[in-house]
């Protein structure tokens, strides 16, 4: 007896016809790569945002350091 089973992920798509192992495997591989690309794209965007935030923080630190140095110099003059 030979039985065929559809993948659960394909059943949820409403595709209840047996496609064959090659076509089903190809479909799963494509879905995997699409999800991988989406994940990486989201990661890249988050990383760019993080870099921009770091740049702003470094600028603020630099300004605070310069202000502190000016105050220190003013206090040394007194």
PDB file of N, CA and C in Angstrom:
ATOM      1  N   UNK A   1       0.856  -1.175   0.000  1.00  0.00           N
ATOM      2  CA  UNK A   1       0.000   0.000   0.000  1.00  0.00           C
ATOM      3  C   UNK A   1       0.902   1.237   0.000  1.00  0.00           C
ATOM      4  N   UNK A   2       0.594   2.155  -0.859  1.00  0.00           N
ATOM      5  CA  UNK A   2       1.312   3.430  -0.927  1.00  0.00           C
ATOM      6  C   UNK A   2       0.340   4.523  -0.520  1.00  0.00           C
ATOM      7  N   UNK A   3       0.790   5.368   0.402  1.00  0.00           N
ATOM      8  CA  UNK A   3      -0.067   6.491   0.795  1.00  0.00           C
ATOM      9  C   UNK A   3       0.693   7.790   0.579  1.00  0.00           C
ATOM     10  N   UNK A   4      -0.044   8.806   0.239  1.00  0.00           N
ATOM     11  CA  UNK A   4       0.536  10.128   0.024  1.00  0.00           C
ATOM     12  C   UNK A   4      -0.026  11.061   1.080  1.00  0.00           C
ATOM     13  N   UNK A   5       0.828  11.933   1.566  1.00  0.00           N
ATOM     14  CA  UNK A   5       0.387  12.880   2.579  1.00  0.00           C
ATOM     15  C   UNK A   5       0.815  14.272   2.145  1.00  0.00           C
ATOM     16  N   UNK A   6      -0.070  15.230   2.290  1.00  0.00           N
ATOM     17  CA  UNK A   6       0.255  16.618   1.976  1.00  0.00           C
ATOM     18  C   UNK A   6       0.878  17.273   3.200  1.00  0.00           C
ATOM     19  N   UNK A   7       1.826  18.136   2.950  1.00  0.00           N
ATOM     20  CA  UNK A   7       2.444  18.862   4.059  1.00  0.00           C
ATOM     21  C   UNK A   7       1.402  19.750   4.734  1.00  0.00           C
ATOM     22  N   UNK A   8       1.491  19.840   6.059  1.00  0.00           N
ATOM     23  CA  UNK A   8       0.519  20.650   6.803  1.00  0.00           C
ATOM     24  C   UNK A   8       0.548  22.109   6.374  1.00  0.00           C
ATOM     25  N   UNK A   9       1.744  22.615   6.059  1.00  0.00           N
ATOM     26  CA  UNK A   9       1.835  24.025   5.647  1.00  0.00           C
ATOM     27  C   UNK A   9       1.108  24.266   4.328  1.00  0.00           C
ATOM     28  N   UNK A  10       1.061  23.260   3.467  1.00  0.00           N
ATOM     29  CA  UNK A  10       0.351  23.430   2.206  1.00  0.00           C
ATOM     30  C   UNK A  10      -1.147  23.253   2.384  1.00  0.00           C
ATOM     31  N   UNK A  11      -1.538  22.426   3.336  1.00  0.00           N
ATOM     32  CA  UNK A  11      -2.973  22.260   3.599  1.00  0.00           C
ATOM     33  C   UNK A  11      -3.586  23.573   4.056  1.00  0.00           C
ATOM     34  N   UNK A  12      -2.827  24.328   4.857  1.00  0.00           N
ATOM     35  CA  UNK A  12      -3.362  25.593   5.369  1.00  0.00           C
ATOM     36  C   UNK A  12      -3.552  26.612   4.245  1.00  0.00           C
ATOM     37  N   UNK A  13      -2.835  26.409   3.122  1.00  0.00           N
ATOM     38  CA  UNK A  13      -2.997  27.305   1.979  1.00  0.00           C
ATOM     39  C   UNK A  13      -4.206  26.926   1.128  1.00  0.00           C
ATOM     40  N   UNK A  14      -4.840  25.838   1.454  1.00  0.00           N
ATOM     41  CA  UNK A  14      -6.010  25.407   0.698  1.00  0.00           C
ATOM     42  C   UNK A  14      -5.659  24.563  -0.508  1.00  0.00           C
ATOM     43  N   UNK A  15      -4.401  24.184  -0.629  1.00  0.00           N
ATOM     44  CA  UNK A  15      -3.974  23.366  -1.761  1.00  0.00           C
ATOM     45  C   UNK A  15      -4.009  21.904  -1.335  1.00  0.00           C
ATOM     46  N   UNK A  16      -5.046  21.189  -1.703  1.00  0.00           N
ATOM     47  CA  UNK A  16      -5.219  19.817  -1.249  1.00  0.00           C
ATOM     48  C   UNK A  16      -4.885  18.781  -2.321  1.00  0.00           C
ATOM     49  N   UNK A  17      -4.307  19.214  -3.426  1.00  0.00           N
ATOM     50  CA  UNK A  17      -3.942  18.274  -4.475  1.00  0.00           C
ATOM     51  C   UNK A  17      -2.503  17.810  -4.265  1.00  0.00           C
ATOM     52  N   UNK A  18      -2.258  16.536  -4.542  1.00  0.00           N
ATOM     53  CA  UNK A  18      -0.894  16.021  -4.456  1.00  0.00           C
ATOM     54  C   UNK A  18      -0.105  16.559  -5.639  1.00  0.00           C
ATOM     55  N   UNK A  19       1.034  17.211  -5.363  1.00  0.00           N
ATOM     56  CA  UNK A  19       1.824  17.839  -6.426  1.00  0.00           C
ATOM     57  C   UNK A  19       3.036  17.014  -6.814  1.00  0.00           C
ATOM     58  N   UNK A  20       3.458  16.142  -5.967  1.00  0.00           N
ATOM     59  CA  UNK A  20       4.703  15.419  -6.193  1.00  0.00           C
ATOM     60  C   UNK A  20       5.778  15.956  -5.271  1.00  0.00           C
ATOM     61  N   UNK A  21       6.725  15.107  -4.982  1.00  0.00           N
ATOM     62  CA  UNK A  21       7.751  15.466  -4.004  1.00  0.00           C
ATOM     63  C   UNK A  21       8.609  16.624  -4.500  1.00  0.00           C
ATOM     64  N   UNK A  22       8.998  16.615  -5.746  1.00  0.00           N
ATOM     65  CA  UNK A  22       9.893  17.646  -6.280  1.00  0.00           C
ATOM     66  C   UNK A  22       9.219  19.017  -6.229  1.00  0.00           C
ATOM     67  N   UNK A  23       7.990  19.090  -6.718  1.00  0.00           N
ATOM     68  CA  UNK A  23       7.296  20.377  -6.754  1.00  0.00           C
ATOM     69  C   UNK A  23       7.020  20.883  -5.340  1.00  0.00           C
ATOM     70  N   UNK A  24       6.617  19.995  -4.432  1.00  0.00           N
ATOM     71  CA  UNK A  24       6.356  20.394  -3.054  1.00  0.00           C
ATOM     72  C   UNK A  24       7.639  20.863  -2.375  1.00  0.00           C
ATOM     73  N   UNK A  25       8.742  20.145  -2.595  1.00  0.00           N
ATOM     74  CA  UNK A  25      10.028  20.540  -2.015  1.00  0.00           C
ATOM     75  C   UNK A  25      10.461  21.892  -2.560  1.00  0.00           C
ATOM     76  N   UNK A  26      10.289  22.094  -3.846  1.00  0.00           N
ATOM     77  CA  UNK A  26      10.636  23.370  -4.460  1.00  0.00           C
ATOM     78  C   UNK A  26       9.810  24.513  -3.852  1.00  0.00           C
ATOM     79  N   UNK A  27       8.533  24.269  -3.655  1.00  0.00           N
ATOM     80  CA  UNK A  27       7.658  25.288  -3.074  1.00  0.00           C
ATOM     81  C   UNK A  27       8.103  25.635  -1.652  1.00  0.00           C
ATOM     82  N   UNK A  28       8.451  24.611  -0.867  1.00  0.00           N
ATOM     83  CA  UNK A  28       8.919  24.859   0.505  1.00  0.00           C
ATOM     84  C   UNK A  28      10.244  25.617   0.516  1.00  0.00           C
ATOM     85  N   UNK A  29      11.127  25.282  -0.408  1.00  0.00           N
ATOM     86  CA  UNK A  29      12.411  25.990  -0.484  1.00  0.00           C
ATOM     87  C   UNK A  29      12.193  27.448  -0.845  1.00  0.00           C
ATOM     88  N   UNK A  30      11.304  27.714  -1.777  1.00  0.00           N
ATOM     89  CA  UNK A  30      11.001  29.100  -2.148  1.00  0.00           C
ATOM     90  C   UNK A  30      10.421  29.872  -0.968  1.00  0.00           C
ATOM     91  N   UNK A  31       9.490  29.258  -0.244  1.00  0.00           N
ATOM     92  CA  UNK A  31       8.907  29.932   0.926  1.00  0.00           C
ATOM     93  C   UNK A  31       9.987  30.222   1.963  1.00  0.00           C
ATOM     94  N   UNK A  32      10.911  29.276   2.158  1.00  0.00           N
ATOM     95  CA  UNK A  32      11.996  29.466   3.113  1.00  0.00           C
ATOM     96  C   UNK A  32      12.878  30.650   2.713  1.00  0.00           C
ATOM     97  N   UNK A  33      13.257  30.727   1.440  1.00  0.00           N
ATOM     98  CA  UNK A  33      14.128  31.811   0.989  1.00  0.00           C
ATOM     99  C   UNK A  33      13.428  33.163   1.060  1.00  0.00           C
ATOM    100  N   UNK A  34      12.155  33.207   0.750  1.00  0.00           N
ATOM    101  CA  UNK A  34      11.403  34.460   0.860  1.00  0.00           C
ATOM    102  C   UNK A  34      11.392  34.921   2.318  1.00  0.00           C
ATOM    103  N   UNK A  35      11.137  34.006   3.241  1.00  0.00           N
ATOM    104  CA  UNK A  35      11.135  34.366   4.661  1.00  0.00           C
ATOM    105  C   UNK A  35      12.517  34.793   5.130  1.00  0.00           C
ATOM    106  N   UNK A  36      13.557  34.134   4.628  1.00  0.00           N
ATOM    107  CA  UNK A  36      14.928  34.497   4.989  1.00  0.00           C
ATOM    108  C   UNK A  36      15.255  35.913   4.520  1.00  0.00           C
ATOM    109  N   UNK A  37      14.879  36.238   3.288  1.00  0.00           N
ATOM    110  CA  UNK A  37      15.138  37.573   2.748  1.00  0.00           C
ATOM    111  C   UNK A  37      14.390  38.623   3.560  1.00  0.00           C
ATOM    112  N   UNK A  38      13.139  38.352   3.896  1.00  0.00           N
ATOM    113  CA  UNK A  38      12.367  39.302   4.701  1.00  0.00           C
ATOM    114  C   UNK A  38      13.022  39.536   6.060  1.00  0.00           C
ATOM    115  N   UNK A  39      13.481  38.450   6.671  1.00  0.00           N
ATOM    116  CA  UNK A  39      14.120  38.555   7.978  1.00  0.00           C
ATOM    117  C   UNK A  39      15.398  39.378   7.880  1.00  0.00           C
ATOM    118  N   UNK A  40      16.208  39.098   6.867  1.00  0.00           N
ATOM    119  CA  UNK A  40      17.462  39.841   6.703  1.00  0.00           C
ATOM    120  C   UNK A  40      17.206  41.305   6.393  1.00  0.00           C
ATOM    121  N   UNK A  41      16.183  41.584   5.607  1.00  0.00           N
ATOM    122  CA  UNK A  41      15.856  42.967   5.282  1.00  0.00           C
ATOM    123  C   UNK A  41      15.463  43.709   6.552  1.00  0.00           C
ATOM    124  N   UNK A  42      14.646  43.076   7.382  1.00  0.00           N
ATOM    125  CA  UNK A  42      14.253  43.691   8.650  1.00  0.00           C
ATOM    126  C   UNK A  42      15.454  43.900   9.555  1.00  0.00           C
ATOM    127  N   UNK A  43      16.382  42.936   9.562  1.00  0.00           N
ATOM    128  CA  UNK A  43      17.585  43.059  10.369  1.00  0.00           C
ATOM    129  C   UNK A  43      18.444  44.214   9.872  1.00  0.00           C
ATOM    130  N   UNK A  44      18.598  44.338   8.563  1.00  0.00           N
ATOM    131  CA  UNK A  44      19.398  45.424   7.992  1.00  0.00           C
ATOM    132  C   UNK A  44      18.817  46.786   8.353  1.00  0.00           C
ATOM    133  N   UNK A  45      17.503  46.912   8.266  1.00  0.00           N
ATOM    134  CA  UNK A  45      16.857  48.181   8.616  1.00  0.00           C
ATOM    135  C   UNK A  45      17.058  48.501  10.092  1.00  0.00           C
ATOM    136  N   UNK A  46      16.925  47.512  10.944  1.00  0.00           N
ATOM    137  CA  UNK A  46      17.136  47.727  12.377  1.00  0.00           C
ATOM    138  C   UNK A  46      18.589  48.092  12.663  1.00  0.00           C
ATOM    139  N   UNK A  47      19.494  47.469  11.939  1.00  0.00           N
ATOM    140  CA  UNK A  47      20.911  47.767  12.139  1.00  0.00           C
ATOM    141  C   UNK A  47      21.238  49.198  11.692  1.00  0.00           C
ATOM    142  N   UNK A  48      20.679  49.644  10.584  1.00  0.00           N
ATOM    143  CA  UNK A  48      20.889  51.022  10.125  1.00  0.00           C
ATOM    144  C   UNK A  48      20.353  52.012  11.156  1.00  0.00           C
ATOM    145  N   UNK A  49      19.180  51.725  11.701  1.00  0.00           N
ATOM    146  CA  UNK A  49      18.589  52.593  12.714  1.00  0.00           C
ATOM    147  C   UNK A  49      19.471  52.638  13.962  1.00  0.00           C
ATOM    148  N   UNK A  50      20.004  51.496  14.334  1.00  0.00           N
ATOM    149  CA  UNK A  50      20.890  51.427  15.495  1.00  0.00           C
ATOM    150  C   UNK A  50      22.157  52.246  15.272  1.00  0.00           C
ATOM    151  N   UNK A  51      22.716  52.177  14.081  1.00  0.00           N
ATOM    152  CA  UNK A  51      23.924  52.949  13.767  1.00  0.00           C
ATOM    153  C   UNK A  51      23.642  54.443  13.832  1.00  0.00           C
ATOM    154  N   UNK A  52      22.504  54.858  13.307  1.00  0.00           N
ATOM    155  CA  UNK A  52      22.129  56.278  13.365  1.00  0.00           C
ATOM    156  C   UNK A  52      21.971  56.741  14.819  1.00  0.00           C
ATOM    157  N   UNK A  53      21.358  55.913  15.645  1.00  0.00           N
ATOM    158  CA  UNK A  53      21.192  56.246  17.061  1.00  0.00           C
ATOM    159  C   UNK A  53      22.548  56.353  17.745  1.00  0.00           C
ATOM    160  N   UNK A  54      23.461  55.451  17.416  1.00  0.00           N
ATOM    161  CA  UNK A  54      24.802  55.504  17.993  1.00  0.00           C
ATOM    162  C   UNK A  54      25.530  56.784  17.595  1.00  0.00           C
ATOM    163  N   UNK A  55      25.378  57.189  16.339  1.00  0.00           N
ATOM    164  CA  UNK A  55      26.002  58.438  15.882  1.00  0.00           C
ATOM    165  C   UNK A  55      25.472  59.632  16.672  1.00  0.00           C
ATOM    166  N   UNK A  56      24.162  59.676  16.878  1.00  0.00           N
ATOM    167  CA  UNK A  56      23.558  60.771  17.644  1.00  0.00           C
ATOM    168  C   UNK A  56      24.067  60.767  19.081  1.00  0.00           C
ATOM    169  N   UNK A  57      24.176  59.589  19.667  1.00  0.00           N
ATOM    170  CA  UNK A  57      24.672  59.482  21.039  1.00  0.00           C
ATOM    171  C   UNK A  57      26.119  59.936  21.141  1.00  0.00           C
ATOM    172  N   UNK A  58      26.942  59.579  20.169  1.00  0.00           N
ATOM    173  CA  UNK A  58      28.338  60.014  20.177  1.00  0.00           C
ATOM    174  C   UNK A  58      28.454  61.532  20.043  1.00  0.00           C
ATOM    175  N   UNK A  59      27.608  62.125  19.209  1.00  0.00           N
ATOM    176  CA  UNK A  59      27.602  63.584  19.073  1.00  0.00           C
ATOM    177  C   UNK A  59      27.212  64.247  20.393  1.00  0.00           C
ATOM    178  N   UNK A  60      26.205  63.694  21.049  1.00  0.00           N
ATOM    179  CA  UNK A  60      25.771  64.249  22.336  1.00  0.00           C
ATOM    180  C   UNK A  60      26.873  64.106  23.381  1.00  0.00           C
ATOM    181  N   UNK A  61      27.567  62.972  23.391  1.00  0.00           N
ATOM    182  CA  UNK A  61      28.677  62.779  24.323  1.00  0.00           C
ATOM    183  C   UNK A  61      29.796  63.780  24.058  1.00  0.00           C
ATOM    184  N   UNK A  62      30.076  64.006  22.786  1.00  0.00           N
ATOM    185  CA  UNK A  62      31.117  64.961  22.411  1.00  0.00           C
ATOM    186  C   UNK A  62      30.748  66.364  22.889  1.00  0.00           C
ATOM    187  N   UNK A  63      29.503  66.764  22.664  1.00  0.00           N
ATOM    188  CA  UNK A  63      29.050  68.086  23.120  1.00  0.00           C
ATOM    189  C   UNK A  63      29.140  68.203  24.638  1.00  0.00           C
ATOM    190  N   UNK A  64      28.715  67.162  25.346  1.00  0.00           N
ATOM    191  CA  UNK A  64      28.788  67.187  26.808  1.00  0.00           C
ATOM    192  C   UNK A  64      30.231  67.273  27.285  1.00  0.00           C
ATOM    193  N   UNK A  65      31.124  66.565  26.638  1.00  0.00           N
ATOM    194  CA  UNK A  65      32.537  66.609  27.004  1.00  0.00           C
ATOM    195  C   UNK A  65      33.098  68.012  26.790  1.00  0.00           C
ATOM    196  N   UNK A  66      32.767  68.606  25.651  1.00  0.00           N
ATOM    197  CA  UNK A  66      33.250  69.963  25.360  1.00  0.00           C
ATOM    198  C   UNK A  66      32.714  70.967  26.368  1.00  0.00           C
ATOM    199  N   UNK A  67      31.452  70.858  26.735  1.00  0.00           N
ATOM    200  CA  UNK A  67      30.879  71.756  27.749  1.00  0.00           C
ATOM    201  C   UNK A  67      31.573  71.571  29.088  1.00  0.00           C
ATOM    202  N   UNK A  68      31.819  70.323  29.448  1.00  0.00           N
ATOM    203  CA  UNK A  68      32.495  70.031  30.709  1.00  0.00           C
ATOM    204  C   UNK A  68      33.900  70.618  30.710  1.00  0.00           C
ATOM    205  N   UNK A  69      34.585  70.490  29.602  1.00  0.00           N
ATOM    206  CA  UNK A  69      35.940  71.044  29.499  1.00  0.00           C
ATOM    207  C   UNK A  69      35.924  72.565  29.602  1.00  0.00           C
ATOM    208  N   UNK A  70      34.941  73.212  28.970  1.00  0.00           N
ATOM    209  CA  UNK A  70      34.842  74.683  29.070  1.00  0.00           C
ATOM    210  C   UNK A  70      34.596  75.106  30.503  1.00  0.00           C
ATOM    211  N   UNK A  71      33.714  74.390  31.198  1.00  0.00           N
ATOM    212  CA  UNK A  71      33.429  74.712  32.603  1.00  0.00           C
ATOM    213  C   UNK A  71      34.684  74.497  33.453  1.00  0.00           C
ATOM    214  N   UNK A  72      35.381  73.419  33.209  1.00  0.00           N
ATOM    215  CA  UNK A  72      36.606  73.130  33.960  1.00  0.00           C
ATOM    216  C   UNK A  72      37.643  74.222  33.724  1.00  0.00           C
ATOM    217  N   UNK A  73      37.790  74.640  32.474  1.00  0.00           N
ATOM    218  CA  UNK A  73      38.753  75.704  32.165  1.00  0.00           C
ATOM    219  C   UNK A  73      38.357  77.011  32.837  1.00  0.00           C
ATOM    220  N   UNK A  74      37.047  77.317  32.830  1.00  0.00           N
ATOM    221  CA  UNK A  74      36.572  78.537  33.493  1.00  0.00           C
ATOM    222  C   UNK A  74      36.847  78.480  34.993  1.00  0.00           C
ATOM    223  N   UNK A  75      36.648  77.328  35.599  1.00  0.00           N
ATOM    224  CA  UNK A  75      36.896  77.179  37.042  1.00  0.00           C
ATOM    225  C   UNK A  75      38.394  77.284  37.369  1.00  0.00           C
ATOM    226  N   UNK A  76      39.240  76.834  36.473  1.00  0.00           N
ATOM    227  CA  UNK A  76      40.682  76.928  36.696  1.00  0.00           C
ATOM    228  C   UNK A  76      41.175  78.373  36.614  1.00  0.00           C
ATOM    229  N   UNK A  77      40.473  79.195  35.849  1.00  0.00           N
ATOM    230  CA  UNK A  77      40.844  80.603  35.707  1.00  0.00           C
ATOM    231  C   UNK A  77      40.529  81.390  36.967  1.00  0.00           C
ATOM    232  N   UNK A  78      39.561  80.937  37.723  1.00  0.00           N
ATOM    233  CA  UNK A  78      39.134  81.689  38.915  1.00  0.00           C
ATOM    234  C   UNK A  78      40.109  81.588  40.014  1.00  0.00           C
TER     235      UNK A  78
END
